[in-house]
């Protein structure tokens, strides 16, 4: 099937014949039947929508949930949200604004994770498109320490520092890394 086209037929699903085959397989290989069925259902399910394909309402709802609200109506009434949104200077009427908020508060879309190369790509993240310092520094946000952040920054600065970095480094990347480091160090002060 050509890329980007969806089949007009629904997945076959798991009928009684397939269930019998799963039971035989599970008995033969001593596998938990419920886990195998769960895996097969996952494999048969359609892939999740990309951020571009998601309806705007779903994007707004996901952002609201990230802010511990049940929907956009509750979110737009939240005083802290109002301050945050005003400080971004972005327009709430634009889809790009909500895609930005989704990336920041919910998650990076699959196509923007684990990038392999490109200008400004560090640890799979395009640092100029997505401000994700924990991931860029490869530090766990639940257990990372000030020392972990400083150590990770030091390793990256050896490569990107404009005066001492490999092949002359890169001032723009280095400045972005400093901005990310400083945003995390504030947490520990």
Protein backbone atom coordinates (compact mmCIF):
# COMPACT_ATOMS: atom_id res chain seq x y z
CA UNK A 1 0.00 0.00 0.00
CA UNK A 2 1.43 3.45 -0.90
CA UNK A 3 2.83 5.44 1.99
CA UNK A 4 0.33 7.85 3.54
CA UNK A 5 -2.75 6.01 2.28
CA UNK A 6 -4.97 4.21 4.73
CA UNK A 7 -6.60 0.90 4.01
CA UNK A 8 -10.34 1.04 3.45
CA UNK A 9 -10.64 -2.30 5.28
CA UNK A 10 -10.63 -2.56 9.05
CA UNK A 11 -8.01 -4.82 10.65
CA UNK A 12 -9.15 -8.42 10.90
CA UNK A 13 -9.01 -8.40 14.68
CA UNK A 14 -8.85 -11.50 16.84
CA UNK A 15 -11.59 -13.98 15.99
CA UNK A 16 -12.22 -17.38 17.64
CA UNK A 17 -9.93 -19.18 15.19
CA UNK A 18 -7.08 -16.78 15.98
CA UNK A 19 -7.74 -17.15 19.72
CA UNK A 20 -7.37 -20.92 19.43
CA UNK A 21 -4.04 -20.49 17.63
CA UNK A 22 -2.86 -18.11 20.37
CA UNK A 23 -3.80 -20.66 23.06
CA UNK A 24 -1.89 -23.42 21.26
CA UNK A 25 1.14 -21.14 20.90
CA UNK A 26 1.01 -20.04 24.55
CA UNK A 27 0.74 -23.64 25.78
CA UNK A 28 3.60 -24.78 23.54
CA UNK A 29 5.93 -21.96 24.58
CA UNK A 30 4.69 -21.42 28.14
CA UNK A 31 3.72 -17.79 27.43
CA UNK A 32 1.05 -15.78 29.27
CA UNK A 33 -1.95 -15.70 26.96
CA UNK A 34 -3.20 -12.25 28.03
CA UNK A 35 0.19 -10.64 27.24
CA UNK A 36 0.33 -12.26 23.80
CA UNK A 37 -3.24 -11.09 23.02
CA UNK A 38 -2.34 -7.57 24.22
CA UNK A 39 0.71 -7.55 21.96
CA UNK A 40 -1.28 -8.75 18.94
CA UNK A 41 -4.00 -6.15 19.52
CA UNK A 42 -1.33 -3.47 19.68
CA UNK A 43 0.24 -4.73 16.45
CA UNK A 44 -3.15 -4.70 14.71
CA UNK A 45 -4.16 -1.25 15.95
CA UNK A 46 -3.64 1.74 13.66
CA UNK A 47 -0.60 3.89 14.42
CA UNK A 48 -1.21 7.02 16.49
CA UNK A 49 -1.89 10.25 14.64
CA UNK A 50 1.01 12.58 14.05
CA UNK A 51 0.81 16.04 15.59
CA UNK A 52 -0.11 17.49 12.19
CA UNK A 53 -2.96 14.97 11.83
CA UNK A 54 -4.35 15.47 15.35
CA UNK A 55 -7.49 17.59 15.61
CA UNK A 56 -6.82 20.91 17.35
CA UNK A 57 -9.38 20.03 20.02
CA UNK A 58 -7.36 16.92 20.96
CA UNK A 59 -4.14 18.94 21.13
CA UNK A 60 -5.78 21.50 23.44
CA UNK A 61 -7.21 18.72 25.63
CA UNK A 62 -3.80 17.04 25.93
CA UNK A 63 -2.23 20.34 27.01
CA UNK A 64 -5.06 20.91 29.50
CA UNK A 65 -4.51 17.44 31.00
CA UNK A 66 -0.78 18.19 31.31
CA UNK A 67 -1.85 21.20 33.40
CA UNK A 68 -4.13 18.95 35.54
CA UNK A 69 -7.32 20.24 33.92
CA UNK A 70 -9.93 18.10 32.19
CA UNK A 71 -10.48 20.34 29.17
CA UNK A 72 -9.48 23.55 27.43
CA UNK A 73 -12.31 25.55 29.03
CA UNK A 74 -10.89 24.86 32.49
CA UNK A 75 -7.35 25.56 31.29
CA UNK A 76 -8.11 29.01 29.88
CA UNK A 77 -9.65 30.02 33.23
CA UNK A 78 -6.58 28.97 35.25
CA UNK A 79 -4.70 32.08 36.52
CA UNK A 80 -1.27 30.44 36.23
CA UNK A 81 -2.01 29.36 32.66
CA UNK A 82 -3.06 32.91 31.80
CA UNK A 83 0.27 34.26 33.08
CA UNK A 84 2.27 31.55 31.31
CA UNK A 85 0.42 32.03 28.02
CA UNK A 86 0.74 35.81 28.16
CA UNK A 87 4.48 35.54 28.80
CA UNK A 88 4.98 33.36 25.72
CA UNK A 89 3.60 36.10 23.49
CA UNK A 90 1.92 33.45 21.32
CA UNK A 91 -1.59 33.67 19.90
CA UNK A 92 -4.08 31.14 21.32
CA UNK A 93 -6.04 31.29 18.08
CA UNK A 94 -3.22 29.72 16.04
CA UNK A 95 -2.68 26.02 15.63
CA UNK A 96 1.12 26.48 15.69
CA UNK A 97 0.83 27.91 19.20
CA UNK A 98 -0.96 24.77 20.40
CA UNK A 99 1.54 22.51 18.64
CA UNK A 100 4.28 24.43 20.47
CA UNK A 101 2.49 23.95 23.82
CA UNK A 102 1.96 20.25 23.04
CA UNK A 103 5.69 19.79 22.43
CA UNK A 104 6.55 21.64 25.63
CA UNK A 105 3.97 20.20 28.02
CA UNK A 106 2.84 16.85 26.63
CA UNK A 107 5.57 15.22 24.55
CA UNK A 108 7.58 15.52 21.41
CA UNK A 109 5.86 13.94 18.43
CA UNK A 110 7.41 10.63 17.34
CA UNK A 111 8.87 12.14 14.19
CA UNK A 112 10.79 14.71 16.29
CA UNK A 113 12.34 12.20 18.70
CA UNK A 114 15.54 10.25 18.26
CA UNK A 115 16.79 12.28 15.32
CA UNK A 116 20.04 10.86 14.04
CA UNK A 117 21.75 13.89 12.57
CA UNK A 118 21.42 17.49 11.53
CA UNK A 119 22.54 20.91 12.66
CA UNK A 120 21.73 21.38 16.34
CA UNK A 121 20.69 17.76 16.94
CA UNK A 122 22.04 16.56 20.29
CA UNK A 123 20.97 13.27 21.86
CA UNK A 124 18.21 12.98 19.26
CA UNK A 125 16.69 16.42 19.96
CA UNK A 126 16.80 19.45 17.65
CA UNK A 127 17.81 22.02 20.27
CA UNK A 128 16.68 24.98 18.14
CA UNK A 129 13.19 23.59 17.64
CA UNK A 130 12.52 21.96 21.01
CA UNK A 131 13.63 23.18 24.42
CA UNK A 132 14.16 19.81 26.18
CA UNK A 133 17.23 20.28 28.41
CA UNK A 134 16.79 17.08 30.43
CA UNK A 135 16.84 15.00 27.26
CA UNK A 136 19.61 17.00 25.59
CA UNK A 137 21.85 16.53 28.65
CA UNK A 138 20.67 12.92 29.00
CA UNK A 139 19.88 13.47 32.69
CA UNK A 140 16.86 11.90 34.41
CA UNK A 141 14.59 14.73 35.58
CA UNK A 142 13.45 12.75 38.64
CA UNK A 143 16.88 11.78 39.96
CA UNK A 144 19.32 14.18 38.24
CA UNK A 145 21.50 16.39 40.39
CA UNK A 146 23.19 19.73 39.90
CA UNK A 147 26.46 17.85 39.43
CA UNK A 148 24.89 15.63 36.73
CA UNK A 149 23.79 18.69 34.79
CA UNK A 150 27.15 20.41 35.14
CA UNK A 151 28.98 17.25 34.08
CA UNK A 152 26.76 16.75 31.03
CA UNK A 153 27.19 20.39 30.02
CA UNK A 154 30.96 20.11 30.42
CA UNK A 155 31.08 17.09 28.08
CA UNK A 156 29.05 18.88 25.44
CA UNK A 157 31.02 22.12 25.83
CA UNK A 158 34.23 20.27 24.90
CA UNK A 159 32.65 19.68 21.52
CA UNK A 160 30.74 22.93 20.92
CA UNK A 161 32.66 25.73 22.72
CA UNK A 162 33.57 28.31 20.06
CA UNK A 163 37.12 28.80 21.40
CA UNK A 164 38.11 25.28 22.35
CA UNK A 165 35.62 22.98 20.65
CA UNK A 166 36.33 20.42 17.96
CA UNK A 167 36.81 22.15 14.56
CA UNK A 168 36.19 25.54 16.17
CA UNK A 169 32.98 24.54 17.92
CA UNK A 170 29.73 26.37 17.26
CA UNK A 171 28.74 29.55 19.09
CA UNK A 172 24.98 29.20 18.43
CA UNK A 173 24.83 25.64 19.73
CA UNK A 174 27.04 26.50 22.69
CA UNK A 175 24.82 29.47 23.64
CA UNK A 176 21.70 27.30 23.44
CA UNK A 177 23.37 24.68 25.66
CA UNK A 178 24.26 27.39 28.21
CA UNK A 179 20.63 28.57 28.18
CA UNK A 180 19.44 25.00 28.80
CA UNK A 181 22.00 24.42 31.55
CA UNK A 182 21.07 27.65 33.31
CA UNK A 183 17.35 26.85 33.12
CA UNK A 184 18.01 23.58 34.97
CA UNK A 185 20.47 24.98 37.51
CA UNK A 186 17.81 27.45 38.67
CA UNK A 187 15.92 24.45 40.05
CA UNK A 188 18.78 23.68 42.43
CA UNK A 189 19.35 27.24 43.71
